N, C-alpha and C. Protein backbone atom coordinates (compact mmCIF):
# COMPACT_ATOMS: atom_id res chain seq x y z
N MET A 1 54.94 42.72 24.45
CA MET A 1 54.45 41.13 24.48
C MET A 1 54.26 41.08 22.99
N SER A 2 55.37 39.52 22.82
CA SER A 2 55.09 39.43 21.40
C SER A 2 54.85 37.67 21.62
N VAL A 3 53.76 37.86 20.67
CA VAL A 3 53.18 36.84 20.16
C VAL A 3 53.57 35.66 19.23
N PRO A 4 54.32 34.87 18.72
CA PRO A 4 54.77 33.90 17.62
C PRO A 4 52.56 33.56 16.69
N VAL A 5 53.53 34.05 15.70
CA VAL A 5 52.52 33.86 14.51
C VAL A 5 53.09 32.12 13.87
N TYR A 6 52.49 31.42 13.24
CA TYR A 6 52.48 30.19 12.62
C TYR A 6 52.19 30.14 10.61
N ASP A 7 52.85 29.07 10.49
CA ASP A 7 52.26 29.07 9.09
C ASP A 7 51.21 27.41 9.88
N LEU A 8 50.03 27.61 8.94
CA LEU A 8 48.83 26.55 9.15
C LEU A 8 49.15 25.32 9.79
N SER A 9 50.82 24.37 8.67
CA SER A 9 51.13 23.13 8.97
C SER A 9 52.08 23.04 10.20
N ALA A 10 51.87 24.17 10.70
CA ALA A 10 53.46 23.90 11.53
C ALA A 10 53.80 23.98 13.30
N VAL A 11 51.76 24.27 13.09
CA VAL A 11 51.36 23.59 14.67
C VAL A 11 50.12 22.45 14.68
N THR A 12 50.11 21.94 15.95
CA THR A 12 48.95 20.81 15.99
C THR A 12 48.17 20.77 16.08
N ASP A 13 47.37 22.39 16.90
CA ASP A 13 46.43 22.71 17.49
C ASP A 13 46.31 24.69 16.55
N ASN A 14 45.67 24.68 15.47
CA ASN A 14 45.91 26.08 14.70
C ASN A 14 44.08 26.70 14.31
N ARG A 15 43.44 26.63 15.59
CA ARG A 15 41.78 26.97 14.98
C ARG A 15 41.78 28.37 15.40
N LEU A 16 42.85 28.88 16.18
CA LEU A 16 42.74 30.32 15.96
C LEU A 16 44.09 31.12 15.26
N ARG A 17 43.45 31.52 13.87
CA ARG A 17 43.34 32.19 12.82
C ARG A 17 43.66 33.60 12.47
N ILE A 18 43.94 34.19 12.01
CA ILE A 18 44.41 35.01 11.30
C ILE A 18 45.41 35.96 10.07
N LYS A 19 44.45 37.20 9.90
CA LYS A 19 44.62 37.28 8.43
C LYS A 19 45.92 38.30 8.47
N LEU A 20 47.22 38.01 7.85
CA LEU A 20 48.63 38.79 7.66
C LEU A 20 48.79 39.18 5.87
N ASN A 21 48.94 40.24 5.66
CA ASN A 21 50.11 40.35 4.59
C ASN A 21 49.20 39.27 3.30
N ASN A 22 47.60 39.36 3.20
CA ASN A 22 47.42 38.31 2.56
C ASN A 22 47.22 36.77 2.45
N LYS A 23 47.53 36.58 3.26
CA LYS A 23 47.62 35.03 3.77
C LYS A 23 47.22 34.49 5.46
N ILE A 24 46.62 33.01 5.53
CA ILE A 24 46.06 33.30 7.14
C ILE A 24 47.44 32.19 7.26
N ALA A 25 47.60 32.77 8.58
CA ALA A 25 48.05 31.98 9.86
C ALA A 25 47.44 31.97 11.56
N CYS A 26 48.01 31.43 12.06
CA CYS A 26 47.82 31.25 13.26
C CYS A 26 48.19 31.18 14.50
N PHE A 27 47.81 30.95 15.37
CA PHE A 27 48.64 30.87 16.62
C PHE A 27 48.32 29.94 17.71
N GLN A 28 49.72 28.92 17.83
CA GLN A 28 49.50 28.05 18.87
C GLN A 28 48.63 27.93 20.32
N LEU A 29 47.40 26.62 20.07
CA LEU A 29 46.56 26.70 21.21
C LEU A 29 47.66 25.82 22.07
N LYS A 30 47.15 25.77 23.78
CA LYS A 30 47.39 24.72 24.21
C LYS A 30 46.63 25.10 26.01
N ALA A 31 46.78 24.11 26.29
CA ALA A 31 46.08 23.96 27.98
C ALA A 31 46.48 25.26 28.84
N PRO A 32 45.34 25.57 29.60
CA PRO A 32 45.76 27.16 29.59
C PRO A 32 46.87 26.72 31.24
N ASP A 33 47.46 28.04 30.76
CA ASP A 33 49.07 27.59 32.75
C ASP A 33 49.02 28.65 33.10
N THR A 34 49.89 28.98 33.65
CA THR A 34 50.49 30.52 34.73
C THR A 34 51.45 31.16 33.44
N THR A 35 52.54 30.74 31.91
CA THR A 35 52.16 31.32 31.08
C THR A 35 51.35 31.52 29.75
N THR A 36 49.53 31.45 29.71
CA THR A 36 49.59 31.83 28.75
C THR A 36 48.30 32.53 29.19
N PRO A 37 48.53 33.79 29.25
CA PRO A 37 47.81 35.58 30.06
C PRO A 37 46.51 35.49 29.40
N LEU A 38 46.74 34.69 27.27
CA LEU A 38 46.28 35.08 26.98
C LEU A 38 45.05 33.85 26.50
N ARG A 39 43.49 33.94 26.57
CA ARG A 39 43.12 32.75 26.27
C ARG A 39 41.74 33.09 25.51
N ILE A 40 41.67 32.02 24.96
CA ILE A 40 40.28 32.71 24.56
C ILE A 40 39.38 30.77 24.63
N ARG A 41 37.62 31.17 24.42
CA ARG A 41 37.57 29.29 24.39
C ARG A 41 36.74 29.10 23.35
N THR A 42 37.31 27.59 23.26
CA THR A 42 37.02 27.35 22.20
C THR A 42 35.44 25.47 22.29
N LYS A 43 35.51 24.96 21.60
CA LYS A 43 34.13 23.68 21.60
C LYS A 43 34.87 22.81 22.69
N ASP A 44 36.06 22.91 23.02
CA ASP A 44 36.74 22.53 24.31
C ASP A 44 37.00 22.59 24.88
N GLY A 45 36.64 24.19 25.09
CA GLY A 45 36.92 24.72 26.93
C GLY A 45 38.20 25.64 26.34
N ILE A 46 38.16 26.30 27.56
CA ILE A 46 39.09 27.39 27.53
C ILE A 46 40.36 27.16 26.72
N LYS A 47 41.10 27.98 26.16
CA LYS A 47 42.67 27.52 25.05
C LYS A 47 43.85 28.68 25.60
N GLY A 48 44.68 28.10 26.57
CA GLY A 48 45.58 29.55 26.38
C GLY A 48 46.01 29.25 24.93
N ILE A 49 47.21 30.80 24.93
CA ILE A 49 47.42 31.21 23.37
C ILE A 49 48.99 30.91 23.79
N ASP A 50 49.81 29.86 23.23
CA ASP A 50 51.42 29.92 23.86
C ASP A 50 52.46 31.13 23.17
N LEU A 51 52.92 31.66 23.89
CA LEU A 51 54.07 32.54 24.43
C LEU A 51 55.60 32.42 23.59
N THR A 52 55.55 30.75 23.61
CA THR A 52 56.33 30.24 23.63
C THR A 52 57.02 30.19 22.50
N VAL A 53 58.07 30.48 21.52
CA VAL A 53 57.95 29.91 19.76
C VAL A 53 58.94 28.41 20.20
N GLN A 54 58.25 27.97 19.10
CA GLN A 54 58.17 26.31 19.54
C GLN A 54 59.46 25.85 19.27
N SER A 55 59.92 24.74 20.00
CA SER A 55 61.30 24.39 19.57
C SER A 55 61.33 23.63 18.57
N ASN A 56 60.66 22.82 18.33
CA ASN A 56 60.21 22.15 16.54
C ASN A 56 61.06 22.78 15.60
N THR A 57 60.35 24.03 15.83
CA THR A 57 60.65 24.86 14.57
C THR A 57 61.91 25.94 14.91
N THR A 58 63.11 25.56 13.73
CA THR A 58 64.08 25.78 13.58
C THR A 58 64.41 26.81 12.66
N ASN A 59 64.98 27.83 13.17
CA ASN A 59 65.08 28.99 12.73
C ASN A 59 66.53 28.95 11.82
N LEU A 60 66.16 29.27 10.68
CA LEU A 60 67.19 29.10 9.56
C LEU A 60 68.31 30.63 9.37
N ILE A 61 67.77 31.68 10.23
CA ILE A 61 68.43 33.00 10.45
C ILE A 61 69.43 33.18 11.53
N ASP A 62 70.69 33.49 10.86
CA ASP A 62 71.86 33.33 11.52
C ASP A 62 72.45 35.09 12.00
N PHE A 63 71.98 34.92 13.44
CA PHE A 63 71.74 36.63 14.19
C PHE A 63 73.56 36.57 14.10
N ALA A 64 74.22 35.93 14.55
CA ALA A 64 75.79 36.51 14.63
C ALA A 64 76.12 37.21 13.29
N THR A 65 75.25 36.96 11.71
CA THR A 65 76.02 37.89 10.78
C THR A 65 75.38 38.96 10.82
N ALA A 66 74.69 39.45 11.10
CA ALA A 66 73.97 40.99 10.78
C ALA A 66 75.32 41.72 10.25
N VAL A 67 74.53 42.62 9.54
CA VAL A 67 75.84 43.63 9.00
C VAL A 67 74.71 44.78 7.94
N LYS A 68 75.49 45.70 8.19
CA LYS A 68 74.71 46.35 7.32
C LYS A 68 74.74 46.90 5.74
N GLN A 69 73.64 46.92 5.17
CA GLN A 69 73.03 46.64 3.74
C GLN A 69 73.62 48.05 2.80
N GLY A 70 74.72 48.13 2.23
CA GLY A 70 74.87 49.63 1.17
C GLY A 70 75.21 50.78 2.12
N ASN A 71 75.80 51.88 1.49
CA ASN A 71 76.68 52.81 2.10
C ASN A 71 75.58 53.59 2.66
N SER A 72 74.71 54.13 2.77
CA SER A 72 73.78 54.63 3.74
C SER A 72 73.38 54.10 4.66
N ALA A 73 73.22 52.68 5.16
CA ALA A 73 72.64 52.24 5.96
C ALA A 73 74.04 52.34 7.75
N THR A 74 73.27 52.16 9.31
CA THR A 74 74.32 51.85 10.01
C THR A 74 72.94 51.19 10.47
N ILE A 75 73.89 49.74 11.31
CA ILE A 75 73.16 49.69 12.90
C ILE A 75 73.46 50.18 13.92
N VAL A 76 72.88 51.30 14.18
CA VAL A 76 72.70 51.71 15.23
C VAL A 76 72.97 51.28 16.86
N GLU A 77 71.75 49.91 16.86
CA GLU A 77 71.33 48.91 17.70
C GLU A 77 71.89 48.02 17.51
N ASN A 78 72.10 46.70 18.19
CA ASN A 78 72.08 45.20 18.43
C ASN A 78 71.91 44.92 19.84
N THR A 79 70.44 44.52 20.30
CA THR A 79 70.63 44.44 21.58
C THR A 79 70.26 42.88 21.73
N THR A 80 70.07 42.39 22.54
CA THR A 80 69.57 41.07 22.79
C THR A 80 67.74 40.64 21.75
N ASP A 81 67.10 41.67 22.42
CA ASP A 81 65.67 41.94 21.38
C ASP A 81 65.13 42.53 20.51
N TYR A 82 66.54 43.50 19.55
CA TYR A 82 66.14 44.02 18.41
C TYR A 82 67.08 44.90 17.76
N TYR A 83 67.89 44.84 16.52
CA TYR A 83 68.24 45.77 15.99
C TYR A 83 67.52 47.35 16.03
N ARG A 84 68.52 48.26 15.94
CA ARG A 84 68.06 48.93 15.31
C ARG A 84 68.74 49.76 14.08
N VAL A 85 67.64 50.03 13.09
CA VAL A 85 68.92 50.03 11.83
C VAL A 85 68.34 51.84 11.51
N THR A 86 69.77 52.84 10.54
CA THR A 86 69.65 53.71 9.79
C THR A 86 69.56 53.38 8.37
N SER A 87 68.93 54.34 7.74
CA SER A 87 69.38 54.18 5.59
C SER A 87 68.90 55.52 5.84
N GLN A 88 69.17 55.82 4.12
CA GLN A 88 68.65 56.57 3.20
C GLN A 88 68.97 56.77 1.27
N ALA A 89 68.75 55.23 1.44
CA ALA A 89 68.65 54.55 0.36
C ALA A 89 67.50 53.95 -0.13
N ASN A 90 67.70 53.63 -1.54
CA ASN A 90 66.81 52.17 -1.92
C ASN A 90 67.84 50.85 -1.30
N ALA A 91 67.23 50.23 -1.81
CA ALA A 91 67.99 48.74 -1.06
C ALA A 91 68.77 49.10 0.14
N ASP A 92 69.24 50.14 1.01
CA ASP A 92 69.47 49.72 2.09
C ASP A 92 69.10 49.60 3.29
N GLY A 93 69.77 48.96 4.46
CA GLY A 93 69.34 47.95 5.58
C GLY A 93 70.34 47.43 6.08
N MET A 94 70.18 46.19 6.57
CA MET A 94 70.44 44.87 6.88
C MET A 94 70.82 43.64 6.13
N THR A 95 71.44 42.97 6.67
CA THR A 95 72.04 41.60 5.66
C THR A 95 72.26 40.42 7.45
N LEU A 96 71.10 39.44 7.15
CA LEU A 96 71.45 38.34 7.62
C LEU A 96 72.05 36.65 6.87
N THR A 97 73.01 36.34 7.64
CA THR A 97 73.00 35.12 6.17
C THR A 97 72.00 34.15 6.78
N LEU A 98 71.84 33.07 5.93
CA LEU A 98 70.63 31.92 6.49
C LEU A 98 71.18 30.94 5.97
N LYS A 99 70.71 29.86 7.26
CA LYS A 99 71.86 28.82 7.12
C LYS A 99 71.01 27.35 6.97
N ASN A 100 71.72 26.40 6.36
CA ASN A 100 70.87 25.54 6.04
C ASN A 100 69.78 25.34 4.97
N ILE A 101 69.97 26.45 4.01
CA ILE A 101 69.00 26.62 3.09
C ILE A 101 68.76 25.37 1.74
N GLU A 102 68.27 25.03 0.90
CA GLU A 102 67.92 23.81 0.04
C GLU A 102 67.43 24.31 -0.48
N PRO A 103 67.73 24.01 -2.12
CA PRO A 103 67.68 24.27 -3.48
C PRO A 103 66.18 23.96 -3.30
N SER A 104 65.18 24.60 -4.12
CA SER A 104 63.58 24.22 -4.54
C SER A 104 62.69 23.88 -3.19
N LYS A 105 63.04 24.57 -2.45
CA LYS A 105 61.69 24.50 -1.65
C LYS A 105 61.00 25.50 -0.95
N ALA A 106 60.57 25.46 -0.45
CA ALA A 106 59.68 26.87 0.14
C ALA A 106 59.36 26.88 1.88
N TYR A 107 59.90 27.90 1.94
CA TYR A 107 60.11 28.53 3.32
C TYR A 107 59.23 29.92 3.78
N THR A 108 59.00 30.26 5.50
CA THR A 108 57.99 30.53 5.88
C THR A 108 59.19 32.22 6.21
N PHE A 109 58.81 33.27 6.19
CA PHE A 109 59.28 34.28 6.86
C PHE A 109 58.52 34.95 7.92
N ASN A 110 58.49 35.08 8.91
CA ASN A 110 58.13 35.91 10.26
C ASN A 110 58.40 36.84 10.93
N GLY A 111 58.25 37.84 11.16
CA GLY A 111 58.99 38.54 12.18
C GLY A 111 58.15 40.09 11.94
N GLU A 112 58.30 40.55 13.07
CA GLU A 112 57.71 42.30 13.74
C GLU A 112 59.07 43.18 13.29
N ILE A 113 58.51 43.90 13.06
CA ILE A 113 59.11 45.20 12.56
C ILE A 113 58.44 46.56 13.17
N GLU A 114 59.44 48.21 13.84
CA GLU A 114 58.38 49.08 13.66
C GLU A 114 58.77 50.65 13.20
N LEU A 115 58.69 51.49 11.98
CA LEU A 115 59.03 52.45 12.19
C LEU A 115 59.43 53.43 12.66
N LEU A 116 60.22 53.80 12.87
CA LEU A 116 60.99 54.70 13.95
C LEU A 116 60.83 56.19 13.64
N SER A 117 61.14 56.66 12.30
CA SER A 117 61.02 57.82 11.18
C SER A 117 61.09 57.80 9.53
N ASN A 118 60.14 58.07 8.76
CA ASN A 118 59.96 57.98 7.47
C ASN A 118 58.96 58.88 6.94
N VAL A 119 59.10 59.21 6.16
CA VAL A 119 58.07 59.94 4.70
C VAL A 119 57.42 59.10 4.09
N ASP A 120 57.77 58.49 2.82
CA ASP A 120 57.04 57.50 2.76
C ASP A 120 57.43 55.76 2.13
N ASP A 121 57.76 55.84 2.47
CA ASP A 121 59.13 54.50 2.25
C ASP A 121 58.05 53.69 3.02
N ARG A 122 58.53 51.90 2.74
CA ARG A 122 58.15 50.92 3.35
C ARG A 122 59.52 50.37 3.78
N LEU A 123 59.58 49.10 4.17
CA LEU A 123 60.49 47.91 5.17
C LEU A 123 59.82 46.76 3.83
N SER A 124 60.99 46.40 3.27
CA SER A 124 60.82 45.16 2.17
C SER A 124 62.26 43.85 2.60
N ILE A 125 61.13 42.75 2.60
CA ILE A 125 62.34 41.59 3.13
C ILE A 125 62.10 41.36 1.73
N ARG A 126 63.75 40.52 1.71
CA ARG A 126 64.17 39.83 0.08
C ARG A 126 65.40 38.82 0.34
N VAL A 127 65.33 38.19 -0.40
CA VAL A 127 66.28 36.75 0.36
C VAL A 127 67.27 37.18 -1.35
N TYR A 128 68.61 37.19 -1.16
CA TYR A 128 69.45 37.01 -2.21
C TYR A 128 70.35 35.94 -2.03
N ASN A 129 70.82 35.71 -2.96
CA ASN A 129 71.80 34.26 -3.42
C ASN A 129 73.56 35.07 -3.74
N LYS A 130 74.05 35.50 -2.65
CA LYS A 130 75.39 35.91 -2.52
C LYS A 130 75.71 34.75 -3.49
N THR A 131 76.17 34.03 -3.23
CA THR A 131 76.55 32.82 -4.54
C THR A 131 76.55 33.39 -5.91
N GLN A 132 75.80 32.81 -6.55
CA GLN A 132 75.40 33.65 -7.62
C GLN A 132 74.91 35.28 -8.28
N ASN A 133 74.74 36.17 -7.27
CA ASN A 133 75.31 37.54 -7.13
C ASN A 133 73.76 38.03 -7.68
N LYS A 134 72.09 37.06 -7.08
CA LYS A 134 71.19 37.18 -8.29
C LYS A 134 70.62 37.47 -6.77
N TYR A 135 68.93 38.00 -6.72
CA TYR A 135 68.26 38.44 -5.68
C TYR A 135 67.21 36.32 -6.27
N ILE A 136 66.68 36.05 -4.97
CA ILE A 136 65.78 34.76 -5.56
C ILE A 136 64.32 35.46 -5.41
N THR A 137 64.10 36.34 -3.86
CA THR A 137 62.90 37.47 -4.23
C THR A 137 63.79 38.36 -4.01
N THR A 138 62.07 39.61 -4.52
CA THR A 138 62.83 40.91 -3.65
C THR A 138 61.45 41.67 -3.43
N ASN A 139 60.46 40.77 -2.74
CA ASN A 139 59.63 40.99 -2.24
C ASN A 139 58.77 39.46 -1.17
N VAL A 140 59.55 39.42 -0.16
CA VAL A 140 58.79 38.47 0.12
C VAL A 140 57.94 38.53 0.79
N VAL A 141 57.38 39.98 1.83
CA VAL A 141 56.70 40.66 2.33
C VAL A 141 57.40 42.50 2.30
N GLN A 142 56.56 43.52 1.99
CA GLN A 142 56.73 44.48 2.34
C GLN A 142 56.07 45.03 3.87
N SER A 143 56.42 46.36 4.73
CA SER A 143 55.55 47.32 5.67
C SER A 143 54.82 47.71 5.33
N THR A 144 54.21 48.66 5.76
CA THR A 144 53.15 49.59 5.21
C THR A 144 54.29 51.60 6.09
N THR A 145 53.62 51.94 5.53
CA THR A 145 54.20 53.14 6.22
C THR A 145 53.62 53.31 7.83
N ALA A 146 53.24 52.68 8.16
CA ALA A 146 52.85 53.12 9.89
C ALA A 146 54.44 53.80 10.57
N LEU A 147 54.46 54.74 11.33
CA LEU A 147 55.25 54.85 12.09
C LEU A 147 54.76 54.24 13.41
N ASN A 148 55.56 54.06 14.42
CA ASN A 148 56.10 53.80 16.00
C ASN A 148 54.29 52.92 16.15
N THR A 149 54.54 51.62 15.22
CA THR A 149 53.82 50.88 15.64
C THR A 149 54.29 49.15 15.24
N ARG A 150 54.71 48.48 15.66
CA ARG A 150 54.65 47.84 15.35
C ARG A 150 54.02 46.37 14.66
N GLN A 151 54.49 46.35 13.06
CA GLN A 151 53.85 45.46 12.39
C GLN A 151 54.44 43.77 12.49
N LEU A 152 53.72 43.38 12.28
CA LEU A 152 53.99 41.57 12.34
C LEU A 152 54.64 40.93 10.53
N LEU A 153 55.26 40.88 9.68
CA LEU A 153 55.41 40.66 8.48
C LEU A 153 55.00 39.25 8.07
N THR A 154 54.04 38.65 7.70
CA THR A 154 54.76 36.84 7.53
C THR A 154 54.54 37.25 5.45
N GLY A 155 55.77 36.33 5.58
CA GLY A 155 55.36 35.88 3.47
C GLY A 155 56.29 34.47 3.30
N SER A 156 56.50 34.03 2.48
CA SER A 156 57.16 33.25 2.01
C SER A 156 57.73 33.44 -0.09
N PHE A 157 58.78 32.00 0.51
CA PHE A 157 59.25 32.53 -0.98
C PHE A 157 60.03 30.47 -1.10
N ASN A 158 60.10 30.45 -2.45
CA ASN A 158 60.96 28.94 -2.81
C ASN A 158 62.03 29.62 -3.39
N THR A 159 63.45 28.94 -2.90
CA THR A 159 64.64 29.26 -3.41
C THR A 159 64.60 28.69 -5.01
N GLY A 160 63.92 27.83 -5.25
CA GLY A 160 63.74 28.04 -6.62
C GLY A 160 65.32 26.82 -8.08
N ALA A 161 65.10 26.12 -8.43
CA ALA A 161 65.59 25.31 -9.39
C ALA A 161 66.96 25.57 -9.08
N LEU A 162 67.47 26.89 -9.96
CA LEU A 162 68.27 27.64 -9.84
C LEU A 162 69.70 27.29 -8.85
N MET A 163 69.45 27.62 -7.48
CA MET A 163 70.25 27.38 -6.25
C MET A 163 70.76 26.16 -6.23
N VAL A 164 72.21 26.32 -6.05
CA VAL A 164 73.05 25.32 -6.00
C VAL A 164 72.90 24.50 -4.31
N ALA A 165 73.20 23.50 -3.97
CA ALA A 165 73.29 23.59 -2.16
C ALA A 165 74.89 23.50 -2.39
N GLY A 166 74.20 24.67 -0.76
CA GLY A 166 75.90 25.11 -0.64
C GLY A 166 76.02 26.69 -1.09
N ASP A 167 75.34 27.14 -1.67
CA ASP A 167 74.90 28.94 -2.16
C ASP A 167 74.69 29.69 -1.11
N VAL A 168 75.46 30.77 -0.63
CA VAL A 168 75.18 31.55 0.51
C VAL A 168 73.96 32.32 0.15
N ILE A 169 72.84 32.15 1.29
CA ILE A 169 71.66 33.06 0.56
C ILE A 169 71.83 33.96 2.06
N GLU A 170 71.50 35.00 1.30
CA GLU A 170 70.90 35.81 2.51
C GLU A 170 69.77 36.58 2.45
N LEU A 171 69.51 37.02 3.94
CA LEU A 171 68.02 37.33 3.98
C LEU A 171 68.61 39.40 3.95
N ARG A 172 67.85 40.32 3.45
CA ARG A 172 67.52 41.25 2.98
C ARG A 172 66.68 42.15 3.93
N ILE A 173 66.56 43.44 4.48
CA ILE A 173 65.57 43.87 5.83
C ILE A 173 65.95 45.51 5.12
N VAL A 174 65.54 45.44 4.53
CA VAL A 174 65.64 46.97 3.65
C VAL A 174 64.90 47.77 3.78
N GLN A 175 65.38 49.47 3.08
CA GLN A 175 64.65 50.36 2.75
C GLN A 175 63.52 50.24 1.06
N THR A 176 63.01 50.93 0.53
CA THR A 176 62.35 50.45 -0.59
C THR A 176 61.49 51.79 -0.56
N TRP A 177 62.49 52.87 -1.83
CA TRP A 177 61.44 53.88 -1.97
C TRP A 177 60.35 54.02 -2.62
N SER A 178 59.78 55.11 -2.33
CA SER A 178 58.59 55.05 -2.70
C SER A 178 58.16 56.24 -3.50
N ASN A 179 59.31 57.42 -3.54
CA ASN A 179 59.36 58.21 -4.40
C ASN A 179 60.54 58.38 -5.62
N SER A 180 61.63 57.85 -5.00
CA SER A 180 62.72 57.97 -5.49
C SER A 180 63.65 59.34 -5.04
N THR A 181 63.41 59.56 -3.83
CA THR A 181 64.41 60.47 -3.37
C THR A 181 64.57 60.01 -1.74
N ALA A 182 65.93 60.12 -1.40
CA ALA A 182 67.12 59.61 -0.47
C ALA A 182 65.77 60.29 0.97
N ASP A 183 64.95 59.63 1.47
CA ASP A 183 64.22 59.76 2.67
C ASP A 183 65.39 58.90 3.97
N ALA A 184 65.35 60.05 5.10
CA ALA A 184 65.60 59.21 6.24
C ALA A 184 64.68 58.12 6.40
N PHE A 185 64.88 57.23 7.15
CA PHE A 185 64.26 55.95 7.63
C PHE A 185 65.44 55.73 8.42
N ASP A 186 64.17 54.68 9.69
CA ASP A 186 65.21 54.11 10.98
C ASP A 186 63.79 53.05 11.46
N PHE A 187 64.41 52.32 11.10
CA PHE A 187 63.78 51.01 11.94
C PHE A 187 64.16 50.52 12.66
N LYS A 188 63.24 49.34 13.79
CA LYS A 188 63.76 48.14 14.50
C LYS A 188 63.23 47.16 13.74
N ILE A 189 63.95 45.78 14.20
CA ILE A 189 63.62 44.55 14.06
C ILE A 189 63.68 43.82 14.93
N TYR A 190 62.72 42.97 15.64
CA TYR A 190 62.87 41.89 16.63
C TYR A 190 63.11 41.34 16.99
N LYS A 191 64.00 40.70 17.41
CA LYS A 191 64.68 39.35 17.19
C LYS A 191 63.73 38.24 17.99
N PRO A 192 62.71 38.16 18.99
CA PRO A 192 62.36 37.09 19.33
C PRO A 192 61.20 36.49 18.38
N THR A 193 60.92 37.72 17.06
CA THR A 193 60.03 36.88 16.21
C THR A 193 60.47 36.84 15.06
N LEU A 194 61.68 36.84 14.72
CA LEU A 194 62.54 37.23 13.57
C LEU A 194 62.49 35.51 13.34
N PHE A 195 62.51 35.03 12.28
CA PHE A 195 62.90 33.69 12.33
C PHE A 195 61.98 33.16 10.51
N ILE A 196 62.66 32.61 10.00
CA ILE A 196 62.58 31.28 8.67
C ILE A 196 62.53 30.62 8.98
N ASN A 197 61.66 29.49 8.54
CA ASN A 197 61.51 28.13 8.18
C ASN A 197 60.96 27.46 7.43
């Protein structure tokens, strides 16, 4: 089961909050029904945790553009639920193009990942301006080194004033070395929770 997590300003009822990577996020609450198996008592009575991604949340990730990033990377699986990627070099992994990104605007990244094999490296979320051939940021958020555990990563970035409308912007989900050795790295990125808005 995946539980969508939102920026506090993105939902109408943000009382159930969670700390993720030094940022406060929240779950969307609603009247309980058969679609809300997770529930919480509030001052207004029992509320259900909404498990559906809000339709008013526009995902700016173009899933059809998934390609490997770097020479050592391979997209091993591309299912309806996840991408599975292997790599063995720093900054290798996968790239997805972002759509309708604007200059000087703040965006939020949300994604659930799982490291399947690893020595001591991390998964890094980066944003790259392909048109200008430079990074907007090399560290939106990083995973821990924990294996076989789903990790919900949340972070934010600003495109800045140097970006020009129409620039091609990429989301890079890549291996980040801890000790400059080419360790085998295998990870999954779960599609239902992967979004930028």
